[in-house]
Protein backbone atom coordinates (compact mmCIF):
# COMPACT_ATOMS: atom_id res chain seq x y z
CA MET A 1 0.00 0.00 0.00
CA LEU A 2 2.78 2.41 0.93
CA GLY A 3 4.69 1.50 -2.23
CA ALA A 4 1.62 2.21 -4.39
CA LEU A 5 1.12 5.60 -2.71
CA GLN A 6 4.80 6.43 -3.15
CA GLN A 7 4.60 5.53 -6.85
CA ARG A 8 1.45 7.66 -7.29
CA ILE A 9 3.13 10.63 -5.57
CA ASP A 10 6.18 10.22 -7.80
CA MET A 11 3.98 10.13 -10.91
CA GLN A 12 2.07 13.24 -9.81
CA SER A 13 5.33 15.04 -9.02
CA GLU A 14 6.77 14.10 -12.44
CA PHE A 15 3.56 15.29 -14.14
CA ALA A 16 3.72 18.60 -12.25
CA ASP A 17 7.37 19.04 -13.27
CA ARG A 18 6.59 18.39 -16.93
CA LEU A 19 3.59 20.73 -16.76
CA MET A 20 5.70 23.54 -15.23
CA SER A 21 8.39 23.00 -17.86
CA SER A 22 5.81 23.12 -20.65
CA ILE A 23 4.22 26.28 -19.23
CA SER A 24 7.63 27.92 -18.88
CA LYS A 25 8.46 27.12 -22.50
CA GLY A 26 5.08 28.48 -23.63
CA VAL A 27 5.54 31.70 -21.67
CA GLY A 28 9.05 32.05 -23.10
CA ARG A 29 7.71 31.68 -26.62
CA LEU A 30 5.01 34.27 -25.95
CA VAL A 31 7.58 36.71 -24.59
CA ASP A 32 9.82 36.11 -27.61
CA ALA A 33 6.87 36.67 -29.95
CA ASP A 34 5.96 39.91 -28.14
CA LEU A 35 9.57 41.10 -28.36
CA ASP A 36 9.70 40.26 -32.08
CA GLU A 37 6.46 42.15 -32.66
CA ALA A 38 7.69 45.15 -30.68
CA SER A 39 10.99 45.10 -32.56
CA THR A 40 9.20 44.98 -35.91
CA ARG A 41 6.91 47.82 -34.90
CA LEU A 42 9.92 49.90 -33.79
CA LYS A 43 11.71 49.30 -37.08
CA ALA A 44 8.58 50.29 -39.01
CA LEU A 45 8.29 53.52 -37.02
CA GLN A 46 11.97 54.33 -37.55
CA THR A 47 11.61 53.74 -41.29
CA GLN A 48 8.51 55.93 -41.36
CA GLU A 49 10.41 58.68 -39.53
CA GLN A 50 13.31 58.46 -42.01
CA LEU A 51 10.93 58.67 -44.97
CA THR A 52 9.20 61.67 -43.40
CA MET A 53 12.52 63.45 -42.93
CA GLN A 54 13.53 62.73 -46.52
CA SER A 55 10.18 64.02 -47.78
CA LEU A 56 10.60 67.22 -45.80
CA GLN A 57 14.13 67.68 -47.11
CA ILE A 58 12.92 67.22 -50.70
CA ALA A 59 10.03 69.64 -50.16
CA ASN A 60 12.33 72.24 -48.60
CA ALA A 61 14.86 71.85 -51.42
CA ASN A 62 12.13 72.28 -54.04
CA ALA A 63 10.81 75.37 -52.27
CA GLU A 64 14.31 76.83 -52.19
CA ILE A 65 14.74 76.14 -55.92
CA LEU A 66 11.44 77.90 -56.65
CA MET A 67 12.49 80.87 -54.54
CA GLN A 68 15.77 81.08 -56.46
CA LEU A 69 13.87 81.01 -59.76
CA PHE A 70 11.54 83.80 -58.59
CA ARG A 71 14.50 85.86 -57.37
CA ALA A 72 16.33 85.35 -60.66
CA SER A 73 13.21 86.28 -62.62
CA ALA A 74 12.63 89.39 -60.50
CA ALA A 75 16.27 90.41 -60.84
CA SER A 76 16.09 89.88 -64.60
CA HIS A 77 12.98 92.08 -64.91
CA SER A 78 14.51 94.72 -62.69
CA GLU A 79 17.71 94.74 -64.78
CA LYS A 80 15.70 95.11 -68.02
CA ASP A 81 13.77 98.07 -66.53
CA ARG A 82 17.02 99.74 -65.47
CA THR A 83 18.50 99.19 -68.91
CA CYS A 84 15.42 100.65 -70.53
CA ILE A 85 15.40 103.72 -68.27
CA GLY A 86 19.17 104.15 -68.53
CA ALA A 87 19.03 104.08 -72.32
CA GLY A 88 16.64 107.02 -72.30
CA ALA A 89 13.87 105.11 -74.05
CA ALA A 90 10.30 105.98 -73.34
CA ARG A 91 8.48 103.59 -71.03
CA PRO A 92 4.85 102.96 -71.76
CA PRO A 93 2.53 103.34 -68.75
CA GLU A 94 1.91 99.60 -68.70
CA ALA A 95 5.61 98.98 -68.07
CA ALA A 96 5.34 100.45 -64.58
CA SER A 97 3.50 97.34 -63.44
CA GLY A 98 6.32 95.15 -64.69
CA LEU A 99 3.99 93.25 -66.98
CA VAL A 100 5.09 94.96 -70.20
CA ARG A 101 8.72 95.35 -71.22
CA CYS A 102 9.86 98.59 -72.71
CA THR A 103 12.01 98.62 -75.83
CA ALA A 104 15.07 100.72 -76.45
């Protein structure tokens, strides 16, 4: 009788050990999966941030190029007006708005 009880206790103890080991492995896998998911999410956010920064840099560069074109155009019109006035040519009234070029 005592031998049968001892064997039953040993079997129950072995089952509990295997169950704890299995649960520990399962929890470890869940933690690893959560870490992988968090790592993937972090990488996605970092990539999104890099793309946003590149987009802003491109937009700023394009805006600067447009500003340079406008400045060059304004300087060109201003130089033509000065040349026209300096040459002593008559400027039509429409030329004061900068929309019509005067001729020498």
